[in-house]
Amino acid sequence: ANLPISSLELTAPFTILPDVTCQEATRIMTETGYGQLPVVSSDGGIMGTVTEGNLLAKIAAETAQLTDPVTTALYKDFKKVDPAMPLGRLGRMFDRDPFVLVVQSTKRYTSATDVK
């Protein structure tokens, strides 16, 4: 419980820019196996996250279209945590929050031919 989050040896998250379409985000989640993708601004600031379930629900309800940017399905209410946070404290956060973002280095999707 006192071990830090960093002891989990997490991989860098795959992030996307806000102008990525819902269709592209769905494809990326399918291909990578990720159920959620952090959305970052062009300067790297975290804007929120898009989840596969929320994205598909919005498309099914027709409140979002496949061609819309992912910002139409963005969760903006999230907690950022540092990799040095103890795992016990992180576990207690999940009693209130469905997910958190561990802030560390990232890989960002900018276009079909460019992953940074």
PDB file of N, CA and C in Angstrom:
ATOM      1  N   ALA A   1       0.817  -1.208   0.000  1.00  0.00           N
ATOM      2  CA  ALA A   1       0.000   0.000   0.000  1.00  0.00           C
ATOM      3  C   ALA A   1       0.854   1.263   0.000  1.00  0.00           C
ATOM      4  N   ASN A   2       2.096   1.150   0.504  1.00  0.00           N
ATOM      5  CA  ASN A   2       2.974   2.317   0.518  1.00  0.00           C
ATOM      6  C   ASN A   2       3.860   2.408  -0.715  1.00  0.00           C
ATOM      7  N   LEU A   3       3.818   1.386  -1.574  1.00  0.00           N
ATOM      8  CA  LEU A   3       4.598   1.449  -2.809  1.00  0.00           C
ATOM      9  C   LEU A   3       4.037   2.557  -3.697  1.00  0.00           C
ATOM     10  N   PRO A   4       4.880   3.240  -4.463  1.00  0.00           N
ATOM     11  CA  PRO A   4       4.380   4.294  -5.342  1.00  0.00           C
ATOM     12  C   PRO A   4       3.759   3.719  -6.616  1.00  0.00           C
ATOM     13  N   ILE A   5       2.926   4.515  -7.254  1.00  0.00           N
ATOM     14  CA  ILE A   5       2.320   4.113  -8.528  1.00  0.00           C
ATOM     15  C   ILE A   5       3.403   3.715  -9.517  1.00  0.00           C
ATOM     16  N   SER A   6       4.528   4.408  -9.499  1.00  0.00           N
ATOM     17  CA  SER A   6       5.617   4.129 -10.442  1.00  0.00           C
ATOM     18  C   SER A   6       6.145   2.699 -10.336  1.00  0.00           C
ATOM     19  N   SER A   7       5.902   2.035  -9.212  1.00  0.00           N
ATOM     20  CA  SER A   7       6.352   0.649  -9.063  1.00  0.00           C
ATOM     21  C   SER A   7       5.581  -0.293  -9.990  1.00  0.00           C
ATOM     22  N   LEU A   8       4.473   0.173 -10.548  1.00  0.00           N
ATOM     23  CA  LEU A   8       3.679  -0.642 -11.470  1.00  0.00           C
ATOM     24  C   LEU A   8       4.286  -0.702 -12.866  1.00  0.00           C
ATOM     25  N   GLU A   9       5.289   0.140 -13.138  1.00  0.00           N
ATOM     26  CA  GLU A   9       5.940   0.196 -14.436  1.00  0.00           C
ATOM     27  C   GLU A   9       4.924   0.388 -15.565  1.00  0.00           C
ATOM     28  N   LEU A  10       4.109   1.413 -15.428  1.00  0.00           N
ATOM     29  CA  LEU A  10       3.086   1.722 -16.430  1.00  0.00           C
ATOM     30  C   LEU A  10       3.728   2.202 -17.724  1.00  0.00           C
ATOM     31  N   THR A  11       3.100   1.869 -18.841  1.00  0.00           N
ATOM     32  CA  THR A  11       3.569   2.381 -20.123  1.00  0.00           C
ATOM     33  C   THR A  11       2.973   3.767 -20.349  1.00  0.00           C
ATOM     34  N   ALA A  12       3.616   4.552 -21.176  1.00  0.00           N
ATOM     35  CA  ALA A  12       3.118   5.895 -21.490  1.00  0.00           C
ATOM     36  C   ALA A  12       1.763   5.774 -22.189  1.00  0.00           C
ATOM     37  N   PRO A  13       0.788   6.604 -21.810  1.00  0.00           N
ATOM     38  CA  PRO A  13      -0.527   6.517 -22.440  1.00  0.00           C
ATOM     39  C   PRO A  13      -0.488   6.997 -23.888  1.00  0.00           C
ATOM     40  N   PHE A  14      -1.379   6.470 -24.687  1.00  0.00           N
ATOM     41  CA  PHE A  14      -1.545   6.891 -26.076  1.00  0.00           C
ATOM     42  C   PHE A  14      -2.547   8.033 -26.052  1.00  0.00           C
ATOM     43  N   THR A  15      -2.134   9.221 -26.441  1.00  0.00           N
ATOM     44  CA  THR A  15      -3.014  10.385 -26.383  1.00  0.00           C
ATOM     45  C   THR A  15      -3.401  10.831 -27.785  1.00  0.00           C
ATOM     46  N   ILE A  16      -4.492  11.585 -27.869  1.00  0.00           N
ATOM     47  CA  ILE A  16      -4.952  12.122 -29.147  1.00  0.00           C
ATOM     48  C   ILE A  16      -5.218  13.615 -29.012  1.00  0.00           C
ATOM     49  N   LEU A  17      -5.227  14.290 -30.143  1.00  0.00           N
ATOM     50  CA  LEU A  17      -5.523  15.722 -30.185  1.00  0.00           C
ATOM     51  C   LEU A  17      -7.030  15.934 -30.273  1.00  0.00           C
ATOM     52  N   PRO A  18      -7.525  17.098 -29.907  1.00  0.00           N
ATOM     53  CA  PRO A  18      -8.968  17.344 -29.873  1.00  0.00           C
ATOM     54  C   PRO A  18      -9.656  17.321 -31.241  1.00  0.00           C
ATOM     55  N   ASP A  19      -8.898  17.464 -32.325  1.00  0.00           N
ATOM     56  CA  ASP A  19      -9.532  17.447 -33.642  1.00  0.00           C
ATOM     57  C   ASP A  19      -9.633  16.050 -34.258  1.00  0.00           C
ATOM     58  N   VAL A  20      -9.155  15.024 -33.547  1.00  0.00           N
ATOM     59  CA  VAL A  20      -9.330  13.649 -34.003  1.00  0.00           C
ATOM     60  C   VAL A  20     -10.823  13.349 -34.006  1.00  0.00           C
ATOM     61  N   THR A  21     -11.305  12.693 -35.062  1.00  0.00           N
ATOM     62  CA  THR A  21     -12.742  12.416 -35.155  1.00  0.00           C
ATOM     63  C   THR A  21     -13.136  11.252 -34.245  1.00  0.00           C
ATOM     64  N   CYS A  22     -14.410  11.172 -33.975  1.00  0.00           N
ATOM     65  CA  CYS A  22     -14.937  10.061 -33.169  1.00  0.00           C
ATOM     66  C   CYS A  22     -14.626   8.730 -33.850  1.00  0.00           C
ATOM     67  N   GLN A  23     -14.724   8.704 -35.178  1.00  0.00           N
ATOM     68  CA  GLN A  23     -14.430   7.481 -35.921  1.00  0.00           C
ATOM     69  C   GLN A  23     -12.962   7.077 -35.764  1.00  0.00           C
ATOM     70  N   GLU A  24     -12.054   8.050 -35.881  1.00  0.00           N
ATOM     71  CA  GLU A  24     -10.632   7.759 -35.704  1.00  0.00           C
ATOM     72  C   GLU A  24     -10.348   7.261 -34.286  1.00  0.00           C
ATOM     73  N   ALA A  25     -10.962   7.911 -33.295  1.00  0.00           N
ATOM     74  CA  ALA A  25     -10.747   7.509 -31.903  1.00  0.00           C
ATOM     75  C   ALA A  25     -11.243   6.082 -31.671  1.00  0.00           C
ATOM     76  N   THR A  26     -12.392   5.751 -32.237  1.00  0.00           N
ATOM     77  CA  THR A  26     -12.926   4.388 -32.102  1.00  0.00           C
ATOM     78  C   THR A  26     -11.975   3.383 -32.737  1.00  0.00           C
ATOM     79  N   ARG A  27     -11.455   3.708 -33.913  1.00  0.00           N
ATOM     80  CA  ARG A  27     -10.504   2.828 -34.596  1.00  0.00           C
ATOM     81  C   ARG A  27      -9.228   2.656 -33.759  1.00  0.00           C
ATOM     82  N   ILE A  28      -8.725   3.744 -33.235  1.00  0.00           N
ATOM     83  CA  ILE A  28      -7.508   3.684 -32.420  1.00  0.00           C
ATOM     84  C   ILE A  28      -7.732   2.796 -31.197  1.00  0.00           C
ATOM     85  N   MET A  29      -8.872   2.963 -30.526  1.00  0.00           N
ATOM     86  CA  MET A  29      -9.153   2.138 -29.337  1.00  0.00           C
ATOM     87  C   MET A  29      -9.249   0.663 -29.714  1.00  0.00           C
ATOM     88  N   THR A  30      -9.875   0.373 -30.853  1.00  0.00           N
ATOM     89  CA  THR A  30      -9.993  -1.018 -31.309  1.00  0.00           C
ATOM     90  C   THR A  30      -8.616  -1.601 -31.612  1.00  0.00           C
ATOM     91  N   GLU A  31      -7.802  -0.838 -32.336  1.00  0.00           N
ATOM     92  CA  GLU A  31      -6.484  -1.332 -32.741  1.00  0.00           C
ATOM     93  C   GLU A  31      -5.501  -1.454 -31.581  1.00  0.00           C
ATOM     94  N   THR A  32      -5.579  -0.553 -30.617  1.00  0.00           N
ATOM     95  CA  THR A  32      -4.619  -0.566 -29.514  1.00  0.00           C
ATOM     96  C   THR A  32      -5.098  -1.365 -28.310  1.00  0.00           C
ATOM     97  N   GLY A  33      -6.401  -1.597 -28.224  1.00  0.00           N
ATOM     98  CA  GLY A  33      -6.952  -2.292 -27.067  1.00  0.00           C
ATOM     99  C   GLY A  33      -7.217  -1.388 -25.877  1.00  0.00           C
ATOM    100  N   TYR A  34      -7.003  -0.078 -26.028  1.00  0.00           N
ATOM    101  CA  TYR A  34      -7.286   0.874 -24.949  1.00  0.00           C
ATOM    102  C   TYR A  34      -8.771   1.194 -24.924  1.00  0.00           C
ATOM    103  N   GLY A  35      -9.350   1.265 -23.735  1.00  0.00           N
ATOM    104  CA  GLY A  35     -10.764   1.605 -23.580  1.00  0.00           C
ATOM    105  C   GLY A  35     -11.005   3.090 -23.391  1.00  0.00           C
ATOM    106  N   GLN A  36      -9.918   3.833 -23.217  1.00  0.00           N
ATOM    107  CA  GLN A  36     -10.025   5.284 -23.071  1.00  0.00           C
ATOM    108  C   GLN A  36      -8.741   5.916 -23.588  1.00  0.00           C
ATOM    109  N   LEU A  37      -8.871   7.150 -24.065  1.00  0.00           N
ATOM    110  CA  LEU A  37      -7.723   7.884 -24.585  1.00  0.00           C
ATOM    111  C   LEU A  37      -7.721   9.288 -24.005  1.00  0.00           C
ATOM    112  N   PRO A  38      -6.635   9.694 -23.367  1.00  0.00           N
ATOM    113  CA  PRO A  38      -6.543  11.090 -22.946  1.00  0.00           C
ATOM    114  C   PRO A  38      -6.479  12.002 -24.179  1.00  0.00           C
ATOM    115  N   VAL A  39      -7.156  13.138 -24.095  1.00  0.00           N
ATOM    116  CA  VAL A  39      -7.150  14.125 -25.167  1.00  0.00           C
ATOM    117  C   VAL A  39      -6.300  15.293 -24.680  1.00  0.00           C
ATOM    118  N   VAL A  40      -5.303  15.652 -25.498  1.00  0.00           N
ATOM    119  CA  VAL A  40      -4.394  16.725 -25.116  1.00  0.00           C
ATOM    120  C   VAL A  40      -4.407  17.827 -26.167  1.00  0.00           C
ATOM    121  N   SER A  41      -4.186  19.040 -25.719  1.00  0.00           N
ATOM    122  CA  SER A  41      -4.096  20.174 -26.637  1.00  0.00           C
ATOM    123  C   SER A  41      -2.762  20.093 -27.382  1.00  0.00           C
ATOM    124  N   SER A  42      -2.613  20.922 -28.408  1.00  0.00           N
ATOM    125  CA  SER A  42      -1.389  20.884 -29.208  1.00  0.00           C
ATOM    126  C   SER A  42      -0.139  21.191 -28.379  1.00  0.00           C
ATOM    127  N   ASP A  43      -0.301  21.896 -27.263  1.00  0.00           N
ATOM    128  CA  ASP A  43       0.850  22.184 -26.400  1.00  0.00           C
ATOM    129  C   ASP A  43       1.048  21.108 -25.325  1.00  0.00           C
ATOM    130  N   GLY A  44       0.251  20.026 -25.376  1.00  0.00           N
ATOM    131  CA  GLY A  44       0.414  18.910 -24.453  1.00  0.00           C
ATOM    132  C   GLY A  44      -0.424  18.964 -23.191  1.00  0.00           C
ATOM    133  N   GLY A  45      -1.232  20.019 -23.012  1.00  0.00           N
ATOM    134  CA  GLY A  45      -2.093  20.113 -21.834  1.00  0.00           C
ATOM    135  C   GLY A  45      -3.236  19.105 -21.900  1.00  0.00           C
ATOM    136  N   ILE A  46      -3.528  18.476 -20.785  1.00  0.00           N
ATOM    137  CA  ILE A  46      -4.594  17.471 -20.748  1.00  0.00           C
ATOM    138  C   ILE A  46      -5.953  18.166 -20.716  1.00  0.00           C
ATOM    139  N   MET A  47      -6.791  17.861 -21.702  1.00  0.00           N
ATOM    140  CA  MET A  47      -8.123  18.456 -21.802  1.00  0.00           C
ATOM    141  C   MET A  47      -9.188  17.568 -21.164  1.00  0.00           C
ATOM    142  N   GLY A  48      -8.939  16.273 -21.151  1.00  0.00           N
ATOM    143  CA  GLY A  48      -9.912  15.317 -20.644  1.00  0.00           C
ATOM    144  C   GLY A  48      -9.624  13.959 -21.242  1.00  0.00           C
ATOM    145  N   THR A  49     -10.613  13.087 -21.216  1.00  0.00           N
ATOM    146  CA  THR A  49     -10.439  11.753 -21.777  1.00  0.00           C
ATOM    147  C   THR A  49     -11.717  11.335 -22.483  1.00  0.00           C
ATOM    148  N   VAL A  50     -11.568  10.514 -23.464  1.00  0.00           N
ATOM    149  CA  VAL A  50     -12.710   9.959 -24.169  1.00  0.00           C
ATOM    150  C   VAL A  50     -12.679   8.448 -23.939  1.00  0.00           C
ATOM    151  N   THR A  51     -13.841   7.879 -23.600  1.00  0.00           N
ATOM    152  CA  THR A  51     -13.920   6.440 -23.360  1.00  0.00           C
ATOM    153  C   THR A  51     -14.711   5.778 -24.472  1.00  0.00           C
ATOM    154  N   GLU A  52     -14.387   4.545 -24.731  1.00  0.00           N
ATOM    155  CA  GLU A  52     -15.063   3.798 -25.786  1.00  0.00           C
ATOM    156  C   GLU A  52     -16.562   3.710 -25.508  1.00  0.00           C
ATOM    157  N   GLY A  53     -16.938   3.415 -24.280  1.00  0.00           N
ATOM    158  CA  GLY A  53     -18.353   3.283 -23.927  1.00  0.00           C
ATOM    159  C   GLY A  53     -19.116   4.572 -24.116  1.00  0.00           C
ATOM    160  N   ASN A  54     -18.580   5.676 -23.634  1.00  0.00           N
ATOM    161  CA  ASN A  54     -19.244   6.962 -23.761  1.00  0.00           C
ATOM    162  C   ASN A  54     -19.334   7.388 -25.224  1.00  0.00           C
ATOM    163  N   LEU A  55     -18.284   7.168 -25.966  1.00  0.00           N
ATOM    164  CA  LEU A  55     -18.258   7.531 -27.383  1.00  0.00           C
ATOM    165  C   LEU A  55     -19.315   6.756 -28.164  1.00  0.00           C
ATOM    166  N   LEU A  56     -19.371   5.442 -27.967  1.00  0.00           N
ATOM    167  CA  LEU A  56     -20.355   4.626 -28.678  1.00  0.00           C
ATOM    168  C   LEU A  56     -21.786   4.956 -28.252  1.00  0.00           C
ATOM    169  N   ALA A  57     -21.987   5.268 -26.963  1.00  0.00           N
ATOM    170  CA  ALA A  57     -23.322   5.642 -26.485  1.00  0.00           C
ATOM    171  C   ALA A  57     -23.784   6.945 -27.126  1.00  0.00           C
ATOM    172  N   LYS A  58     -22.895   7.908 -27.253  1.00  0.00           N
ATOM    173  CA  LYS A  58     -23.255   9.190 -27.872  1.00  0.00           C
ATOM    174  C   LYS A  58     -23.554   9.025 -29.359  1.00  0.00           C
ATOM    175  N   ILE A  59     -22.801   8.172 -30.032  1.00  0.00           N
ATOM    176  CA  ILE A  59     -23.065   7.913 -31.450  1.00  0.00           C
ATOM    177  C   ILE A  59     -24.403   7.203 -31.610  1.00  0.00           C
ATOM    178  N   ALA A  60     -24.678   6.216 -30.776  1.00  0.00           N
ATOM    179  CA  ALA A  60     -25.949   5.489 -30.838  1.00  0.00           C
ATOM    180  C   ALA A  60     -27.135   6.404 -30.550  1.00  0.00           C
ATOM    181  N   ALA A  61     -26.958   7.345 -29.612  1.00  0.00           N
ATOM    182  CA  ALA A  61     -28.029   8.290 -29.253  1.00  0.00           C
ATOM    183  C   ALA A  61     -28.104   9.467 -30.228  1.00  0.00           C
ATOM    184  N   GLU A  62     -27.182   9.485 -31.189  1.00  0.00           N
ATOM    185  CA  GLU A  62     -27.104  10.541 -32.199  1.00  0.00           C
ATOM    186  C   GLU A  62     -26.833  11.927 -31.601  1.00  0.00           C
ATOM    187  N   THR A  63     -26.158  11.948 -30.458  1.00  0.00           N
ATOM    188  CA  THR A  63     -25.697  13.226 -29.899  1.00  0.00           C
ATOM    189  C   THR A  63     -24.271  13.516 -30.346  1.00  0.00           C
ATOM    190  N   ALA A  64     -23.670  12.551 -31.049  1.00  0.00           N
ATOM    191  CA  ALA A  64     -22.358  12.723 -31.677  1.00  0.00           C
ATOM    192  C   ALA A  64     -22.367  11.932 -32.974  1.00  0.00           C
ATOM    193  N   GLN A  65     -21.645  12.423 -33.944  1.00  0.00           N
ATOM    194  CA  GLN A  65     -21.514  11.755 -35.241  1.00  0.00           C
ATOM    195  C   GLN A  65     -20.084  11.236 -35.385  1.00  0.00           C
ATOM    196  N   LEU A  66     -19.893  10.235 -36.240  1.00  0.00           N
ATOM    197  CA  LEU A  66     -18.556   9.686 -36.457  1.00  0.00           C
ATOM    198  C   LEU A  66     -17.568  10.748 -36.935  1.00  0.00           C
ATOM    199  N   THR A  67     -18.059  11.737 -37.652  1.00  0.00           N
ATOM    200  CA  THR A  67     -17.182  12.778 -38.200  1.00  0.00           C
ATOM    201  C   THR A  67     -16.921  13.928 -37.223  1.00  0.00           C
ATOM    202  N   ASP A  68     -17.601  13.934 -36.080  1.00  0.00           N
ATOM    203  CA  ASP A  68     -17.398  14.987 -35.072  1.00  0.00           C
ATOM    204  C   ASP A  68     -16.044  14.813 -34.394  1.00  0.00           C
ATOM    205  N   PRO A  69     -15.470  15.904 -33.904  1.00  0.00           N
ATOM    206  CA  PRO A  69     -14.241  15.767 -33.108  1.00  0.00           C
ATOM    207  C   PRO A  69     -14.557  15.091 -31.767  1.00  0.00           C
ATOM    208  N   VAL A  70     -13.569  14.436 -31.199  1.00  0.00           N
ATOM    209  CA  VAL A  70     -13.781  13.707 -29.939  1.00  0.00           C
ATOM    210  C   VAL A  70     -14.204  14.614 -28.793  1.00  0.00           C
ATOM    211  N   THR A  71     -14.004  15.906 -28.943  1.00  0.00           N
ATOM    212  CA  THR A  71     -14.393  16.826 -27.872  1.00  0.00           C
ATOM    213  C   THR A  71     -15.898  16.787 -27.607  1.00  0.00           C
ATOM    214  N   THR A  72     -16.689  16.255 -28.548  1.00  0.00           N
ATOM    215  CA  THR A  72     -18.133  16.132 -28.324  1.00  0.00           C
ATOM    216  C   THR A  72     -18.451  15.039 -27.301  1.00  0.00           C
ATOM    217  N   ALA A  73     -17.481  14.194 -27.013  1.00  0.00           N
ATOM    218  CA  ALA A  73     -17.702  13.092 -26.066  1.00  0.00           C
ATOM    219  C   ALA A  73     -16.647  13.082 -24.965  1.00  0.00           C
ATOM    220  N   LEU A  74     -16.139  14.239 -24.642  1.00  0.00           N
ATOM    221  CA  LEU A  74     -15.015  14.363 -23.720  1.00  0.00           C
ATOM    222  C   LEU A  74     -15.463  14.405 -22.260  1.00  0.00           C
ATOM    223  N   TYR A  75     -14.807  13.576 -21.420  1.00  0.00           N
ATOM    224  CA  TYR A  75     -14.953  13.697 -19.965  1.00  0.00           C
ATOM    225  C   TYR A  75     -13.928  14.724 -19.510  1.00  0.00           C
ATOM    226  N   LYS A  76     -14.403  15.808 -18.928  1.00  0.00           N
ATOM    227  CA  LYS A  76     -13.487  16.862 -18.488  1.00  0.00           C
ATOM    228  C   LYS A  76     -13.220  16.813 -16.987  1.00  0.00           C
ATOM    229  N   ASP A  77     -14.006  16.038 -16.258  1.00  0.00           N
ATOM    230  CA  ASP A  77     -13.861  15.950 -14.807  1.00  0.00           C
ATOM    231  C   ASP A  77     -12.992  14.739 -14.468  1.00  0.00           C
ATOM    232  N   PHE A  78     -11.750  14.988 -14.166  1.00  0.00           N
ATOM    233  CA  PHE A  78     -10.827  13.906 -13.858  1.00  0.00           C
ATOM    234  C   PHE A  78      -9.786  14.389 -12.867  1.00  0.00           C
ATOM    235  N   LYS A  79      -9.147  13.453 -12.229  1.00  0.00           N
ATOM    236  CA  LYS A  79      -8.077  13.758 -11.288  1.00  0.00           C
ATOM    237  C   LYS A  79      -6.747  13.369 -11.922  1.00  0.00           C
ATOM    238  N   LYS A  80      -5.737  14.233 -11.737  1.00  0.00           N
ATOM    239  CA  LYS A  80      -4.371  13.933 -12.160  1.00  0.00           C
ATOM    240  C   LYS A  80      -3.613  13.460 -10.929  1.00  0.00           C
ATOM    241  N   VAL A  81      -2.835  12.409 -11.088  1.00  0.00           N
ATOM    242  CA  VAL A  81      -2.020  11.921  -9.979  1.00  0.00           C
ATOM    243  C   VAL A  81      -0.574  11.773 -10.440  1.00  0.00           C
ATOM    244  N   ASP A  82       0.321  11.930  -9.498  1.00  0.00           N
ATOM    245  CA  ASP A  82       1.748  11.826  -9.748  1.00  0.00           C
ATOM    246  C   ASP A  82       2.182  10.371  -9.582  1.00  0.00           C
ATOM    247  N   PRO A  83       3.119   9.896 -10.389  1.00  0.00           N
ATOM    248  CA  PRO A  83       3.597   8.516 -10.244  1.00  0.00           C
ATOM    249  C   PRO A  83       4.175   8.202  -8.866  1.00  0.00           C
ATOM    250  N   ALA A  84       4.529   9.230  -8.086  1.00  0.00           N
ATOM    251  CA  ALA A  84       5.081   8.996  -6.746  1.00  0.00           C
ATOM    252  C   ALA A  84       3.994   8.736  -5.699  1.00  0.00           C
ATOM    253  N   MET A  85       2.713   8.935  -6.058  1.00  0.00           N
ATOM    254  CA  MET A  85       1.624   8.720  -5.090  1.00  0.00           C
ATOM    255  C   MET A  85       1.595   7.257  -4.631  1.00  0.00           C
ATOM    256  N   PRO A  86       1.409   7.011  -3.325  1.00  0.00           N
ATOM    257  CA  PRO A  86       1.305   5.632  -2.832  1.00  0.00           C
ATOM    258  C   PRO A  86       0.077   4.918  -3.407  1.00  0.00           C
ATOM    259  N   LEU A  87       0.233   3.633  -3.697  1.00  0.00           N
ATOM    260  CA  LEU A  87      -0.864   2.847  -4.266  1.00  0.00           C
ATOM    261  C   LEU A  87      -2.092   2.806  -3.355  1.00  0.00           C
ATOM    262  N   GLY A  88      -1.880   2.803  -2.049  1.00  0.00           N
ATOM    263  CA  GLY A  88      -3.004   2.790  -1.115  1.00  0.00           C
ATOM    264  C   GLY A  88      -3.882   4.021  -1.276  1.00  0.00           C
ATOM    265  N   ARG A  89      -3.244   5.160  -1.424  1.00  0.00           N
ATOM    266  CA  ARG A  89      -3.996   6.416  -1.619  1.00  0.00           C
ATOM    267  C   ARG A  89      -4.728   6.387  -2.960  1.00  0.00           C
ATOM    268  N   LEU A  90      -4.064   5.872  -3.998  1.00  0.00           N
ATOM    269  CA  LEU A  90      -4.706   5.745  -5.308  1.00  0.00           C
ATOM    270  C   LEU A  90      -5.943   4.851  -5.216  1.00  0.00           C
ATOM    271  N   GLY A  91      -5.819   3.748  -4.514  1.00  0.00           N
ATOM    272  CA  GLY A  91      -6.950   2.837  -4.350  1.00  0.00           C
ATOM    273  C   GLY A  91      -8.149   3.506  -3.709  1.00  0.00           C
ATOM    274  N   ARG A  92      -7.915   4.355  -2.722  1.00  0.00           N
ATOM    275  CA  ARG A  92      -9.017   5.072  -2.073  1.00  0.00           C
ATOM    276  C   ARG A  92      -9.667   6.077  -3.029  1.00  0.00           C
ATOM    277  N   MET A  93      -8.889   6.621  -3.953  1.00  0.00           N
ATOM    278  CA  MET A  93      -9.451   7.566  -4.931  1.00  0.00           C
ATOM    279  C   MET A  93     -10.514   6.891  -5.798  1.00  0.00           C
ATOM    280  N   PHE A  94     -10.324   5.598  -6.077  1.00  0.00           N
ATOM    281  CA  PHE A  94     -11.280   4.882  -6.919  1.00  0.00           C
ATOM    282  C   PHE A  94     -12.627   4.667  -6.242  1.00  0.00           C
ATOM    283  N   ASP A  95     -12.714   4.929  -4.948  1.00  0.00           N
ATOM    284  CA  ASP A  95     -14.010   4.896  -4.267  1.00  0.00           C
ATOM    285  C   ASP A  95     -14.888   6.060  -4.724  1.00  0.00           C
ATOM    286  N   ARG A  96     -14.261   7.156  -5.184  1.00  0.00           N
ATOM    287  CA  ARG A  96     -14.986   8.358  -5.608  1.00  0.00           C
ATOM    288  C   ARG A  96     -14.920   8.612  -7.105  1.00  0.00           C
ATOM    289  N   ASP A  97     -13.803   8.226  -7.719  1.00  0.00           N
ATOM    290  CA  ASP A  97     -13.553   8.555  -9.118  1.00  0.00           C
ATOM    291  C   ASP A  97     -13.442   7.283  -9.960  1.00  0.00           C
ATOM    292  N   PRO A  98     -14.111   7.244 -11.126  1.00  0.00           N
ATOM    293  CA  PRO A  98     -14.045   6.038 -11.953  1.00  0.00           C
ATOM    294  C   PRO A  98     -12.686   5.833 -12.615  1.00  0.00           C
ATOM    295  N   PHE A  99     -11.932   6.919 -12.792  1.00  0.00           N
ATOM    296  CA  PHE A  99     -10.593   6.808 -13.345  1.00  0.00           C
ATOM    297  C   PHE A  99      -9.781   8.023 -12.932  1.00  0.00           C
ATOM    298  N   VAL A 100      -8.475   7.878 -13.040  1.00  0.00           N
ATOM    299  CA  VAL A 100      -7.543   8.986 -12.804  1.00  0.00           C
ATOM    300  C   VAL A 100      -6.519   8.945 -13.928  1.00  0.00           C
ATOM    301  N   LEU A 101      -5.840  10.053 -14.133  1.00  0.00           N
ATOM    302  CA  LEU A 101      -4.763  10.095 -15.115  1.00  0.00           C
ATOM    303  C   LEU A 101      -3.437  10.228 -14.376  1.00  0.00           C
ATOM    304  N   VAL A 102      -2.567   9.254 -14.587  1.00  0.00           N
ATOM    305  CA  VAL A 102      -1.230   9.319 -14.023  1.00  0.00           C
ATOM    306  C   VAL A 102      -0.420  10.186 -14.974  1.00  0.00           C
ATOM    307  N   VAL A 103       0.054  11.318 -14.489  1.00  0.00           N
ATOM    308  CA  VAL A 103       0.743  12.293 -15.328  1.00  0.00           C
ATOM    309  C   VAL A 103       2.207  11.899 -15.457  1.00  0.00           C
ATOM    310  N   GLN A 104       2.570  11.551 -16.690  1.00  0.00           N
ATOM    311  CA  GLN A 104       3.932  11.152 -17.025  1.00  0.00           C
ATOM    312  C   GLN A 104       4.142  11.424 -18.508  1.00  0.00           C
ATOM    313  N   SER A 105       5.164  10.883 -19.119  1.00  0.00           N
ATOM    314  CA  SER A 105       5.376  11.090 -20.546  1.00  0.00           C
ATOM    315  C   SER A 105       4.282  10.383 -21.345  1.00  0.00           C
ATOM    316  N   THR A 106       4.022  10.866 -22.574  1.00  0.00           N
ATOM    317  CA  THR A 106       2.943  10.326 -23.391  1.00  0.00           C
ATOM    318  C   THR A 106       3.393  10.066 -24.818  1.00  0.00           C
ATOM    319  N   LYS A 107       2.588   9.246 -25.548  1.00  0.00           N
ATOM    320  CA  LYS A 107       2.688   9.092 -26.992  1.00  0.00           C
ATOM    321  C   LYS A 107       1.433   9.739 -27.549  1.00  0.00           C
ATOM    322  N   ARG A 108       1.569  10.598 -28.563  1.00  0.00           N
ATOM    323  CA  ARG A 108       0.401  11.348 -29.057  1.00  0.00           C
ATOM    324  C   ARG A 108       0.152  11.042 -30.520  1.00  0.00           C
ATOM    325  N   TYR A 109      -1.107  10.772 -30.860  1.00  0.00           N
ATOM    326  CA  TYR A 109      -1.554  10.579 -32.233  1.00  0.00           C
ATOM    327  C   TYR A 109      -1.846  11.946 -32.826  1.00  0.00           C
ATOM    328  N   THR A 110      -1.175  12.316 -33.915  1.00  0.00           N
ATOM    329  CA  THR A 110      -1.441  13.599 -34.563  1.00  0.00           C
ATOM    330  C   THR A 110      -2.049  13.410 -35.939  1.00  0.00           C
ATOM    331  N   SER A 111      -1.721  12.312 -36.615  1.00  0.00           N
ATOM    332  CA  SER A 111      -2.329  11.980 -37.898  1.00  0.00           C
ATOM    333  C   SER A 111      -2.051  10.513 -38.181  1.00  0.00           C
ATOM    334  N   ALA A 112      -2.670   9.998 -39.220  1.00  0.00           N
ATOM    335  CA  ALA A 112      -2.514   8.576 -39.538  1.00  0.00           C
ATOM    336  C   ALA A 112      -1.067   8.196 -39.811  1.00  0.00           C
ATOM    337  N   THR A 113      -0.219   9.156 -40.160  1.00  0.00           N
ATOM    338  CA  THR A 113       1.175   8.856 -40.483  1.00  0.00           C
ATOM    339  C   THR A 113       2.166   9.351 -39.444  1.00  0.00           C
ATOM    340  N   ASP A 114       1.667   9.903 -38.335  1.00  0.00           N
ATOM    341  CA  ASP A 114       2.578  10.549 -37.382  1.00  0.00           C
ATOM    342  C   ASP A 114       2.173  10.272 -35.944  1.00  0.00           C
ATOM    343  N   VAL A 115       2.919   9.404 -35.289  1.00  0.00           N
ATOM    344  CA  VAL A 115       2.727   9.168 -33.854  1.00  0.00           C
ATOM    345  C   VAL A 115       3.965   9.697 -33.157  1.00  0.00           C
ATOM    346  N   LYS A 116       3.764  10.641 -32.209  1.00  0.00           N
ATOM    347  CA  LYS A 116       4.899  11.255 -31.490  1.00  0.00           C
ATOM    348  C   LYS A 116       5.040  10.650 -30.121  1.00  0.00           C
TER     349      LYS A 116
END
